[in-house]
Amino acid sequence: MMERISWNQYFMAQSHLLSLRSTCTRLMVGATIVRDKRIIAGGYNGSVSGDVHCVDEGCYVIDGHCVRTVHAEANALLQCAKFGVPTENADIYVTHFPCLQCCKQLIQSGIKKVYYAEDYKNHPYAVQLFKEAGVETEKVELDYLALDMLYKEKSSVVKELLELVESDTSKATALKEKAQELFHLS
């Protein structure tokens, strides 16, 4: 019997999937807001609707921050605001630890738990504010079996290895065939 993906892995995979829509070249972030094990909103970091994108014109950086993008967490919260979906007592799954501004917005919106996959410049004041507000934070790394974010790099390395191993020995040939089968290489 196949083991089902856990709820945390499922929602974190959704956030990673959302991050693939990001238009910022500096960091691709995705966020999924969940209440009662149901997705109520999702967001990724990108430009204001109708504006130019970082991927097209480069990041607009002021004081080390790209000011062109709306952060993933904010986009998810704003989606709830736009469509009248309450965020009180909901959880959020984010690919990266929220910045200080997003931390404050999450607290004000009533989010009760923040799950994040990767530490990212975790601001000490954000950590303190979450603690003082009673908002739990939990690191939930995405299991590579659930969603392999490194598949392109892995494929490239395997192709390079196969080229190096190129020989007539039966073992090398068998390994090459197996790798080609597993990675769908031509």
Foldseek 3Di string as FASTA:
>chain_A
DDDDDDLLLVQLVVFVVQLVPELAPPDRKKKFKADPSHTPFIFIKFADPPDDGCNVVNFDDDPRDRPRIDHGLRVRVVVCVVVVNQRAAIEMEMQEDDDQVSLVVCLVSRHAEYEYAYYDPPDPVSVVVCVVSNRYYHYDHRDCVSPPPCLVVVVVVLVVVLVVLPDDDPVSVVVNVVCCVVSVND
